[in-house]
Amino acid sequence: MKYLLSAVLCAGTLTVVTPPPVEAGAISRACLSAGRKASSPALCRCIQRVANNSLSRGERKTVAKWFKDPHQAQVVRQSSRSSDERLWKKYRAFGSRASKVCG
């Protein structure tokens, strides 16, 4: 009886910790929907994590569109606007980091 009571009391103090749900970001969704052979949920999540640490929310939204229309990346790369030049440099740095971190 003592053992049962102790077990019940101990069980009452335990809490189940569940990880928070992982929300797919714009980059991850675009990566998965791009239809490339090498895409996998794990790879796309990794790329999203790197993007979260490398690009602003607006930049991530812009870059996500490039998965569907890569020509837009070239438009930004060849643009003479200083804001496009900054975005392109950040994108290149992000791509390099993602390649190193995610394989």
PDB file of N, CA and C in Angstrom:
ATOM      1  N   MET A   1       0.826  -1.187   0.000  1.00  0.00           N
ATOM      2  CA  MET A   1       0.000   0.000   0.000  1.00  0.00           C
ATOM      3  C   MET A   1       0.870   1.251   0.000  1.00  0.00           C
ATOM      4  N   LYS A   2       1.928   1.240   0.857  1.00  0.00           N
ATOM      5  CA  LYS A   2       2.847   2.379   0.892  1.00  0.00           C
ATOM      6  C   LYS A   2       3.477   2.608  -0.475  1.00  0.00           C
ATOM      7  N   TYR A   3       3.871   1.501  -1.109  1.00  0.00           N
ATOM      8  CA  TYR A   3       4.513   1.590  -2.432  1.00  0.00           C
ATOM      9  C   TYR A   3       3.557   2.186  -3.454  1.00  0.00           C
ATOM     10  N   LEU A   4       2.310   1.766  -3.452  1.00  0.00           N
ATOM     11  CA  LEU A   4       1.316   2.266  -4.389  1.00  0.00           C
ATOM     12  C   LEU A   4       1.075   3.753  -4.173  1.00  0.00           C
ATOM     13  N   LEU A   5       0.964   4.165  -2.925  1.00  0.00           N
ATOM     14  CA  LEU A   5       0.751   5.573  -2.608  1.00  0.00           C
ATOM     15  C   LEU A   5       1.943   6.415  -3.052  1.00  0.00           C
ATOM     16  N   SER A   6       3.154   5.925  -2.816  1.00  0.00           N
ATOM     17  CA  SER A   6       4.358   6.640  -3.247  1.00  0.00           C
ATOM     18  C   SER A   6       4.405   6.759  -4.765  1.00  0.00           C
ATOM     19  N   ALA A   7       4.043   5.706  -5.460  1.00  0.00           N
ATOM     20  CA  ALA A   7       4.050   5.714  -6.924  1.00  0.00           C
ATOM     21  C   ALA A   7       3.047   6.724  -7.471  1.00  0.00           C
ATOM     22  N   VAL A   8       1.873   6.762  -6.848  1.00  0.00           N
ATOM     23  CA  VAL A   8       0.840   7.700  -7.294  1.00  0.00           C
ATOM     24  C   VAL A   8       1.285   9.141  -7.044  1.00  0.00           C
ATOM     25  N   LEU A   9       1.868   9.394  -5.879  1.00  0.00           N
ATOM     26  CA  LEU A   9       2.345  10.742  -5.569  1.00  0.00           C
ATOM     27  C   LEU A   9       3.456  11.169  -6.514  1.00  0.00           C
ATOM     28  N   CYS A  10       4.377  10.253  -6.795  1.00  0.00           N
ATOM     29  CA  CYS A  10       5.474  10.569  -7.726  1.00  0.00           C
ATOM     30  C   CYS A  10       4.935  10.821  -9.130  1.00  0.00           C
ATOM     31  N   ALA A  11       3.997  10.005  -9.538  1.00  0.00           N
ATOM     32  CA  ALA A  11       3.427  10.160 -10.877  1.00  0.00           C
ATOM     33  C   ALA A  11       2.730  11.501 -11.009  1.00  0.00           C
ATOM     34  N   GLY A  12       2.119  11.968  -9.918  1.00  0.00           N
ATOM     35  CA  GLY A  12       1.432  13.251  -9.954  1.00  0.00           C
ATOM     36  C   GLY A  12       2.372  14.431 -10.100  1.00  0.00           C
ATOM     37  N   THR A  13       3.638  14.249  -9.727  1.00  0.00           N
ATOM     38  CA  THR A  13       4.591  15.357  -9.825  1.00  0.00           C
ATOM     39  C   THR A  13       5.317  15.381 -11.156  1.00  0.00           C
ATOM     40  N   LEU A  14       5.197  14.309 -11.931  1.00  0.00           N
ATOM     41  CA  LEU A  14       5.852  14.276 -13.228  1.00  0.00           C
ATOM     42  C   LEU A  14       5.026  15.047 -14.250  1.00  0.00           C
ATOM     43  N   THR A  15       5.688  15.767 -15.087  1.00  0.00           N
ATOM     44  CA  THR A  15       4.989  16.459 -16.156  1.00  0.00           C
ATOM     45  C   THR A  15       5.560  15.991 -17.481  1.00  0.00           C
ATOM     46  N   VAL A  16       4.723  15.925 -18.428  1.00  0.00           N
ATOM     47  CA  VAL A  16       5.147  15.517 -19.757  1.00  0.00           C
ATOM     48  C   VAL A  16       5.560  16.775 -20.515  1.00  0.00           C
ATOM     49  N   VAL A  17       6.758  16.758 -20.999  1.00  0.00           N
ATOM     50  CA  VAL A  17       7.264  17.891 -21.755  1.00  0.00           C
ATOM     51  C   VAL A  17       7.260  17.519 -23.229  1.00  0.00           C
ATOM     52  N   THR A  18       6.500  18.262 -23.988  1.00  0.00           N
ATOM     53  CA  THR A  18       6.473  18.024 -25.427  1.00  0.00           C
ATOM     54  C   THR A  18       7.104  19.212 -26.117  1.00  0.00           C
ATOM     55  N   PRO A  19       7.857  18.941 -27.161  1.00  0.00           N
ATOM     56  CA  PRO A  19       8.482  20.055 -27.868  1.00  0.00           C
ATOM     57  C   PRO A  19       7.429  20.905 -28.561  1.00  0.00           C
ATOM     58  N   PRO A  20       7.715  22.202 -28.723  1.00  0.00           N
ATOM     59  CA  PRO A  20       6.755  23.048 -29.411  1.00  0.00           C
ATOM     60  C   PRO A  20       6.647  22.622 -30.877  1.00  0.00           C
ATOM     61  N   PRO A  21       5.486  22.828 -31.474  1.00  0.00           N
ATOM     62  CA  PRO A  21       5.342  22.428 -32.865  1.00  0.00           C
ATOM     63  C   PRO A  21       6.281  23.230 -33.752  1.00  0.00           C
ATOM     64  N   VAL A  22       6.837  22.555 -34.730  1.00  0.00           N
ATOM     65  CA  VAL A  22       7.748  23.213 -35.654  1.00  0.00           C
ATOM     66  C   VAL A  22       6.920  23.783 -36.796  1.00  0.00           C
ATOM     67  N   GLU A  23       7.016  25.079 -36.975  1.00  0.00           N
ATOM     68  CA  GLU A  23       6.285  25.712 -38.059  1.00  0.00           C
ATOM     69  C   GLU A  23       7.208  25.829 -39.262  1.00  0.00           C
ATOM     70  N   ALA A  24       6.712  25.416 -40.384  1.00  0.00           N
ATOM     71  CA  ALA A  24       7.504  25.518 -41.601  1.00  0.00           C
ATOM     72  C   ALA A  24       7.529  26.972 -42.041  1.00  0.00           C
ATOM     73  N   GLY A  25       8.710  27.471 -42.298  1.00  0.00           N
ATOM     74  CA  GLY A  25       8.854  28.830 -42.778  1.00  0.00           C
ATOM     75  C   GLY A  25       8.747  28.877 -44.287  1.00  0.00           C
ATOM     76  N   ALA A  26       8.818  30.074 -44.814  1.00  0.00           N
ATOM     77  CA  ALA A  26       8.677  30.278 -46.255  1.00  0.00           C
ATOM     78  C   ALA A  26       9.740  29.521 -47.044  1.00  0.00           C
ATOM     79  N   ILE A  27      10.972  29.530 -46.546  1.00  0.00           N
ATOM     80  CA  ILE A  27      12.063  28.848 -47.248  1.00  0.00           C
ATOM     81  C   ILE A  27      11.823  27.338 -47.239  1.00  0.00           C
ATOM     82  N   SER A  28      11.454  26.794 -46.104  1.00  0.00           N
ATOM     83  CA  SER A  28      11.215  25.358 -45.987  1.00  0.00           C
ATOM     84  C   SER A  28      10.077  24.915 -46.907  1.00  0.00           C
ATOM     85  N   ARG A  29       8.990  25.666 -46.907  1.00  0.00           N
ATOM     86  CA  ARG A  29       7.859  25.322 -47.780  1.00  0.00           C
ATOM     87  C   ARG A  29       8.264  25.385 -49.249  1.00  0.00           C
ATOM     88  N   ALA A  30       8.994  26.425 -49.615  1.00  0.00           N
ATOM     89  CA  ALA A  30       9.429  26.570 -51.002  1.00  0.00           C
ATOM     90  C   ALA A  30      10.390  25.447 -51.392  1.00  0.00           C
ATOM     91  N   CYS A  31      11.268  25.098 -50.481  1.00  0.00           N
ATOM     92  CA  CYS A  31      12.225  24.022 -50.720  1.00  0.00           C
ATOM     93  C   CYS A  31      11.492  22.708 -50.986  1.00  0.00           C
ATOM     94  N   LEU A  32      10.504  22.404 -50.158  1.00  0.00           N
ATOM     95  CA  LEU A  32       9.759  21.155 -50.316  1.00  0.00           C
ATOM     96  C   LEU A  32       8.920  21.137 -51.588  1.00  0.00           C
ATOM     97  N   SER A  33       8.377  22.270 -51.968  1.00  0.00           N
ATOM     98  CA  SER A  33       7.492  22.303 -53.132  1.00  0.00           C
ATOM     99  C   SER A  33       8.244  22.502 -54.445  1.00  0.00           C
ATOM    100  N   ALA A  34       9.553  22.705 -54.380  1.00  0.00           N
ATOM    101  CA  ALA A  34      10.330  22.951 -55.600  1.00  0.00           C
ATOM    102  C   ALA A  34      10.456  21.705 -56.465  1.00  0.00           C
ATOM    103  N   GLY A  35      10.265  20.534 -55.866  1.00  0.00           N
ATOM    104  CA  GLY A  35      10.288  19.306 -56.650  1.00  0.00           C
ATOM    105  C   GLY A  35      11.671  18.826 -57.038  1.00  0.00           C
ATOM    106  N   ARG A  36      12.677  19.243 -56.322  1.00  0.00           N
ATOM    107  CA  ARG A  36      14.030  18.781 -56.628  1.00  0.00           C
ATOM    108  C   ARG A  36      14.266  17.424 -55.980  1.00  0.00           C
ATOM    109  N   LYS A  37      15.046  16.572 -56.652  1.00  0.00           N
ATOM    110  CA  LYS A  37      15.292  15.220 -56.152  1.00  0.00           C
ATOM    111  C   LYS A  37      15.950  15.220 -54.779  1.00  0.00           C
ATOM    112  N   ALA A  38      16.880  16.113 -54.540  1.00  0.00           N
ATOM    113  CA  ALA A  38      17.635  16.120 -53.284  1.00  0.00           C
ATOM    114  C   ALA A  38      16.843  16.698 -52.114  1.00  0.00           C
ATOM    115  N   SER A  39      15.698  17.293 -52.378  1.00  0.00           N
ATOM    116  CA  SER A  39      14.901  17.899 -51.297  1.00  0.00           C
ATOM    117  C   SER A  39      14.354  16.821 -50.375  1.00  0.00           C
ATOM    118  N   SER A  40      14.455  17.085 -49.102  1.00  0.00           N
ATOM    119  CA  SER A  40      13.851  16.211 -48.096  1.00  0.00           C
ATOM    120  C   SER A  40      13.368  17.117 -46.973  1.00  0.00           C
ATOM    121  N   PRO A  41      12.415  16.667 -46.187  1.00  0.00           N
ATOM    122  CA  PRO A  41      11.953  17.500 -45.082  1.00  0.00           C
ATOM    123  C   PRO A  41      13.092  17.911 -44.144  1.00  0.00           C
ATOM    124  N   ALA A  42      14.000  16.999 -43.856  1.00  0.00           N
ATOM    125  CA  ALA A  42      15.113  17.317 -42.946  1.00  0.00           C
ATOM    126  C   ALA A  42      16.032  18.372 -43.555  1.00  0.00           C
ATOM    127  N   LEU A  43      16.350  18.229 -44.821  1.00  0.00           N
ATOM    128  CA  LEU A  43      17.217  19.206 -45.486  1.00  0.00           C
ATOM    129  C   LEU A  43      16.544  20.571 -45.544  1.00  0.00           C
ATOM    130  N   CYS A  44      15.278  20.598 -45.895  1.00  0.00           N
ATOM    131  CA  CYS A  44      14.559  21.869 -46.001  1.00  0.00           C
ATOM    132  C   CYS A  44      14.418  22.553 -44.638  1.00  0.00           C
ATOM    133  N   ARG A  45      14.220  21.769 -43.564  1.00  0.00           N
ATOM    134  CA  ARG A  45      14.180  22.357 -42.219  1.00  0.00           C
ATOM    135  C   ARG A  45      15.535  22.952 -41.862  1.00  0.00           C
ATOM    136  N   CYS A  46      16.597  22.255 -42.224  1.00  0.00           N
ATOM    137  CA  CYS A  46      17.940  22.759 -41.935  1.00  0.00           C
ATOM    138  C   CYS A  46      18.183  24.078 -42.668  1.00  0.00           C
ATOM    139  N   ILE A  47      17.822  24.122 -43.926  1.00  0.00           N
ATOM    140  CA  ILE A  47      17.996  25.342 -44.716  1.00  0.00           C
ATOM    141  C   ILE A  47      17.171  26.477 -44.103  1.00  0.00           C
ATOM    142  N   GLN A  48      15.969  26.168 -43.637  1.00  0.00           N
ATOM    143  CA  GLN A  48      15.125  27.178 -42.996  1.00  0.00           C
ATOM    144  C   GLN A  48      15.784  27.718 -41.738  1.00  0.00           C
ATOM    145  N   ARG A  49      16.376  26.832 -40.930  1.00  0.00           N
ATOM    146  CA  ARG A  49      17.049  27.291 -39.706  1.00  0.00           C
ATOM    147  C   ARG A  49      18.198  28.238 -40.040  1.00  0.00           C
ATOM    148  N   VAL A  50      18.970  27.908 -41.063  1.00  0.00           N
ATOM    149  CA  VAL A  50      20.069  28.787 -41.466  1.00  0.00           C
ATOM    150  C   VAL A  50      19.501  30.114 -41.963  1.00  0.00           C
ATOM    151  N   ALA A  51      18.433  30.054 -42.728  1.00  0.00           N
ATOM    152  CA  ALA A  51      17.796  31.278 -43.235  1.00  0.00           C
ATOM    153  C   ALA A  51      17.297  32.149 -42.090  1.00  0.00           C
ATOM    154  N   ASN A  52      16.728  31.521 -41.063  1.00  0.00           N
ATOM    155  CA  ASN A  52      16.227  32.282 -39.914  1.00  0.00           C
ATOM    156  C   ASN A  52      17.348  33.057 -39.236  1.00  0.00           C
ATOM    157  N   ASN A  53      18.556  32.518 -39.258  1.00  0.00           N
ATOM    158  CA  ASN A  53      19.693  33.174 -38.621  1.00  0.00           C
ATOM    159  C   ASN A  53      20.458  34.102 -39.564  1.00  0.00           C
ATOM    160  N   SER A  54      20.133  34.055 -40.857  1.00  0.00           N
ATOM    161  CA  SER A  54      20.912  34.813 -41.839  1.00  0.00           C
ATOM    162  C   SER A  54      20.134  35.947 -42.509  1.00  0.00           C
ATOM    163  N   LEU A  55      18.836  35.766 -42.645  1.00  0.00           N
ATOM    164  CA  LEU A  55      18.029  36.703 -43.428  1.00  0.00           C
ATOM    165  C   LEU A  55      16.867  37.232 -42.590  1.00  0.00           C
ATOM    166  N   SER A  56      16.440  38.450 -42.909  1.00  0.00           N
ATOM    167  CA  SER A  56      15.255  39.001 -42.247  1.00  0.00           C
ATOM    168  C   SER A  56      14.016  38.281 -42.772  1.00  0.00           C
ATOM    169  N   ARG A  57      12.891  38.507 -42.114  1.00  0.00           N
ATOM    170  CA  ARG A  57      11.645  37.860 -42.542  1.00  0.00           C
ATOM    171  C   ARG A  57      11.303  38.232 -43.986  1.00  0.00           C
ATOM    172  N   GLY A  58      11.418  39.501 -44.313  1.00  0.00           N
ATOM    173  CA  GLY A  58      11.124  39.947 -45.669  1.00  0.00           C
ATOM    174  C   GLY A  58      12.080  39.348 -46.691  1.00  0.00           C
ATOM    175  N   GLU A  59      13.351  39.255 -46.320  1.00  0.00           N
ATOM    176  CA  GLU A  59      14.336  38.647 -47.221  1.00  0.00           C
ATOM    177  C   GLU A  59      14.035  37.168 -47.426  1.00  0.00           C
ATOM    178  N   ARG A  60      13.617  36.489 -46.363  1.00  0.00           N
ATOM    179  CA  ARG A  60      13.271  35.069 -46.501  1.00  0.00           C
ATOM    180  C   ARG A  60      12.085  34.889 -47.443  1.00  0.00           C
ATOM    181  N   LYS A  61      11.106  35.779 -47.364  1.00  0.00           N
ATOM    182  CA  LYS A  61       9.951  35.695 -48.254  1.00  0.00           C
ATOM    183  C   LYS A  61      10.371  35.906 -49.712  1.00  0.00           C
ATOM    184  N   THR A  62      11.263  36.867 -49.923  1.00  0.00           N
ATOM    185  CA  THR A  62      11.747  37.131 -51.278  1.00  0.00           C
ATOM    186  C   THR A  62      12.528  35.946 -51.824  1.00  0.00           C
ATOM    187  N   VAL A  63      13.451  35.443 -51.019  1.00  0.00           N
ATOM    188  CA  VAL A  63      14.291  34.320 -51.448  1.00  0.00           C
ATOM    189  C   VAL A  63      13.435  33.072 -51.687  1.00  0.00           C
ATOM    190  N   ALA A  64      12.393  32.866 -50.898  1.00  0.00           N
ATOM    191  CA  ALA A  64      11.520  31.709 -51.084  1.00  0.00           C
ATOM    192  C   ALA A  64      10.889  31.718 -52.470  1.00  0.00           C
ATOM    193  N   LYS A  65      10.582  32.887 -52.974  1.00  0.00           N
ATOM    194  CA  LYS A  65       9.994  33.000 -54.312  1.00  0.00           C
ATOM    195  C   LYS A  65      10.979  32.560 -55.393  1.00  0.00           C
ATOM    196  N   TRP A  66      12.256  32.666 -55.100  1.00  0.00           N
ATOM    197  CA  TRP A  66      13.280  32.287 -56.070  1.00  0.00           C
ATOM    198  C   TRP A  66      13.315  30.781 -56.307  1.00  0.00           C
ATOM    199  N   PHE A  67      12.825  29.984 -55.377  1.00  0.00           N
ATOM    200  CA  PHE A  67      12.776  28.534 -55.581  1.00  0.00           C
ATOM    201  C   PHE A  67      11.860  28.208 -56.754  1.00  0.00           C
ATOM    202  N   LYS A  68      10.756  28.947 -56.857  1.00  0.00           N
ATOM    203  CA  LYS A  68       9.793  28.710 -57.933  1.00  0.00           C
ATOM    204  C   LYS A  68      10.202  29.406 -59.227  1.00  0.00           C
ATOM    205  N   ASP A  69      10.830  30.573 -59.088  1.00  0.00           N
ATOM    206  CA  ASP A  69      11.219  31.368 -60.261  1.00  0.00           C
ATOM    207  C   ASP A  69      12.668  31.828 -60.117  1.00  0.00           C
ATOM    208  N   PRO A  70      13.639  30.946 -60.406  1.00  0.00           N
ATOM    209  CA  PRO A  70      15.051  31.286 -60.236  1.00  0.00           C
ATOM    210  C   PRO A  70      15.493  32.513 -61.050  1.00  0.00           C
ATOM    211  N   HIS A  71      14.759  32.820 -62.099  1.00  0.00           N
ATOM    212  CA  HIS A  71      15.115  34.000 -62.906  1.00  0.00           C
ATOM    213  C   HIS A  71      15.084  35.273 -62.068  1.00  0.00           C
ATOM    214  N   GLN A  72      14.186  35.330 -61.088  1.00  0.00           N
ATOM    215  CA  GLN A  72      14.095  36.523 -60.235  1.00  0.00           C
ATOM    216  C   GLN A  72      15.375  36.720 -59.422  1.00  0.00           C
ATOM    217  N   ALA A  73      16.041  35.641 -59.075  1.00  0.00           N
ATOM    218  CA  ALA A  73      17.328  35.762 -58.381  1.00  0.00           C
ATOM    219  C   ALA A  73      18.343  36.439 -59.295  1.00  0.00           C
ATOM    220  N   GLN A  74      18.317  36.080 -60.570  1.00  0.00           N
ATOM    221  CA  GLN A  74      19.242  36.696 -61.517  1.00  0.00           C
ATOM    222  C   GLN A  74      18.916  38.171 -61.747  1.00  0.00           C
ATOM    223  N   VAL A  75      17.648  38.503 -61.718  1.00  0.00           N
ATOM    224  CA  VAL A  75      17.244  39.909 -61.851  1.00  0.00           C
ATOM    225  C   VAL A  75      17.841  40.718 -60.701  1.00  0.00           C
ATOM    226  N   VAL A  76      17.751  40.184 -59.485  1.00  0.00           N
ATOM    227  CA  VAL A  76      18.318  40.876 -58.326  1.00  0.00           C
ATOM    228  C   VAL A  76      19.830  40.929 -58.432  1.00  0.00           C
ATOM    229  N   ARG A  77      20.444  39.836 -58.839  1.00  0.00           N
ATOM    230  CA  ARG A  77      21.906  39.786 -58.945  1.00  0.00           C
ATOM    231  C   ARG A  77      22.427  40.818 -59.941  1.00  0.00           C
ATOM    232  N   GLN A  78      21.727  41.017 -61.018  1.00  0.00           N
ATOM    233  CA  GLN A  78      22.184  41.933 -62.064  1.00  0.00           C
ATOM    234  C   GLN A  78      21.676  43.358 -61.886  1.00  0.00           C
ATOM    235  N   SER A  79      20.875  43.580 -60.884  1.00  0.00           N
ATOM    236  CA  SER A  79      20.314  44.903 -60.642  1.00  0.00           C
ATOM    237  C   SER A  79      21.399  45.884 -60.192  1.00  0.00           C
ATOM    238  N   SER A  80      21.195  47.146 -60.501  1.00  0.00           N
ATOM    239  CA  SER A  80      22.140  48.178 -60.054  1.00  0.00           C
ATOM    240  C   SER A  80      21.664  48.874 -58.781  1.00  0.00           C
ATOM    241  N   ARG A  81      20.526  48.453 -58.250  1.00  0.00           N
ATOM    242  CA  ARG A  81      20.009  49.041 -57.009  1.00  0.00           C
ATOM    243  C   ARG A  81      20.852  48.578 -55.826  1.00  0.00           C
ATOM    244  N   SER A  82      21.159  49.490 -54.931  1.00  0.00           N
ATOM    245  CA  SER A  82      21.991  49.137 -53.773  1.00  0.00           C
ATOM    246  C   SER A  82      21.279  48.149 -52.849  1.00  0.00           C
ATOM    247  N   SER A  83      19.958  48.260 -52.738  1.00  0.00           N
ATOM    248  CA  SER A  83      19.213  47.326 -51.881  1.00  0.00           C
ATOM    249  C   SER A  83      19.279  45.908 -52.447  1.00  0.00           C
ATOM    250  N   ASP A  84      19.224  45.794 -53.775  1.00  0.00           N
ATOM    251  CA  ASP A  84      19.352  44.472 -54.398  1.00  0.00           C
ATOM    252  C   ASP A  84      20.762  43.920 -54.219  1.00  0.00           C
ATOM    253  N   GLU A  85      21.746  44.783 -54.281  1.00  0.00           N
ATOM    254  CA  GLU A  85      23.132  44.353 -54.080  1.00  0.00           C
ATOM    255  C   GLU A  85      23.322  43.821 -52.654  1.00  0.00           C
ATOM    256  N   ARG A  86      22.748  44.531 -51.670  1.00  0.00           N
ATOM    257  CA  ARG A  86      22.830  44.064 -50.274  1.00  0.00           C
ATOM    258  C   ARG A  86      22.133  42.720 -50.107  1.00  0.00           C
ATOM    259  N   LEU A  87      20.947  42.580 -50.699  1.00  0.00           N
ATOM    260  CA  LEU A  87      20.209  41.322 -50.615  1.00  0.00           C
ATOM    261  C   LEU A  87      21.015  40.191 -51.255  1.00  0.00           C
ATOM    262  N   TRP A  88      21.605  40.464 -52.407  1.00  0.00           N
ATOM    263  CA  TRP A  88      22.367  39.417 -53.091  1.00  0.00           C
ATOM    264  C   TRP A  88      23.567  38.969 -52.247  1.00  0.00           C
ATOM    265  N   LYS A  89      24.240  39.918 -51.622  1.00  0.00           N
ATOM    266  CA  LYS A  89      25.383  39.554 -50.773  1.00  0.00           C
ATOM    267  C   LYS A  89      24.935  38.720 -49.578  1.00  0.00           C
ATOM    268  N   LYS A  90      23.812  39.095 -48.970  1.00  0.00           N
ATOM    269  CA  LYS A  90      23.291  38.318 -47.842  1.00  0.00           C
ATOM    270  C   LYS A  90      22.839  36.933 -48.308  1.00  0.00           C
ATOM    271  N   TYR A  91      22.262  36.877 -49.494  1.00  0.00           N
ATOM    272  CA  TYR A  91      21.813  35.598 -50.036  1.00  0.00           C
ATOM    273  C   TYR A  91      22.998  34.672 -50.297  1.00  0.00           C
ATOM    274  N   ARG A  92      24.056  35.215 -50.856  1.00  0.00           N
ATOM    275  CA  ARG A  92      25.263  34.407 -51.123  1.00  0.00           C
ATOM    276  C   ARG A  92      25.855  33.891 -49.813  1.00  0.00           C
ATOM    277  N   ALA A  93      25.916  34.732 -48.800  1.00  0.00           N
ATOM    278  CA  ALA A  93      26.443  34.320 -47.494  1.00  0.00           C
ATOM    279  C   ALA A  93      25.519  33.235 -46.891  1.00  0.00           C
ATOM    280  N   PHE A  94      24.217  33.418 -47.018  1.00  0.00           N
ATOM    281  CA  PHE A  94      23.256  32.426 -46.532  1.00  0.00           C
ATOM    282  C   PHE A  94      23.469  31.101 -47.251  1.00  0.00           C
ATOM    283  N   GLY A  95      23.608  31.143 -48.570  1.00  0.00           N
ATOM    284  CA  GLY A  95      23.808  29.918 -49.356  1.00  0.00           C
ATOM    285  C   GLY A  95      25.080  29.186 -48.953  1.00  0.00           C
ATOM    286  N   SER A  96      26.117  29.944 -48.709  1.00  0.00           N
ATOM    287  CA  SER A  96      27.380  29.332 -48.286  1.00  0.00           C
ATOM    288  C   SER A  96      27.226  28.656 -46.927  1.00  0.00           C
ATOM    289  N   ARG A  97      26.582  29.374 -45.987  1.00  0.00           N
ATOM    290  CA  ARG A  97      26.355  28.792 -44.655  1.00  0.00           C
ATOM    291  C   ARG A  97      25.463  27.556 -44.727  1.00  0.00           C
ATOM    292  N   ALA A  98      24.399  27.633 -45.503  1.00  0.00           N
ATOM    293  CA  ALA A  98      23.479  26.503 -45.626  1.00  0.00           C
ATOM    294  C   ALA A  98      24.194  25.299 -46.211  1.00  0.00           C
ATOM    295  N   SER A  99      25.060  25.527 -47.171  1.00  0.00           N
ATOM    296  CA  SER A  99      25.821  24.443 -47.779  1.00  0.00           C
ATOM    297  C   SER A  99      26.731  23.764 -46.754  1.00  0.00           C
ATOM    298  N   LYS A 100      27.375  24.561 -45.925  1.00  0.00           N
ATOM    299  CA  LYS A 100      28.283  24.015 -44.905  1.00  0.00           C
ATOM    300  C   LYS A 100      27.514  23.284 -43.801  1.00  0.00           C
ATOM    301  N   VAL A 101      26.433  23.900 -43.342  1.00  0.00           N
ATOM    302  CA  VAL A 101      25.688  23.363 -42.198  1.00  0.00           C
ATOM    303  C   VAL A 101      24.812  22.177 -42.604  1.00  0.00           C
ATOM    304  N   CYS A 102      24.157  22.285 -43.743  1.00  0.00           N
ATOM    305  CA  CYS A 102      23.151  21.292 -44.130  1.00  0.00           C
ATOM    306  C   CYS A 102      23.681  20.220 -45.085  1.00  0.00           C
ATOM    307  N   GLY A 103      24.868  20.456 -45.612  1.00  0.00           N
ATOM    308  CA  GLY A 103      25.458  19.437 -46.489  1.00  0.00           C
ATOM    309  C   GLY A 103      25.090  19.617 -47.868  1.00  0.00           C
TER     310      GLY A 103
END
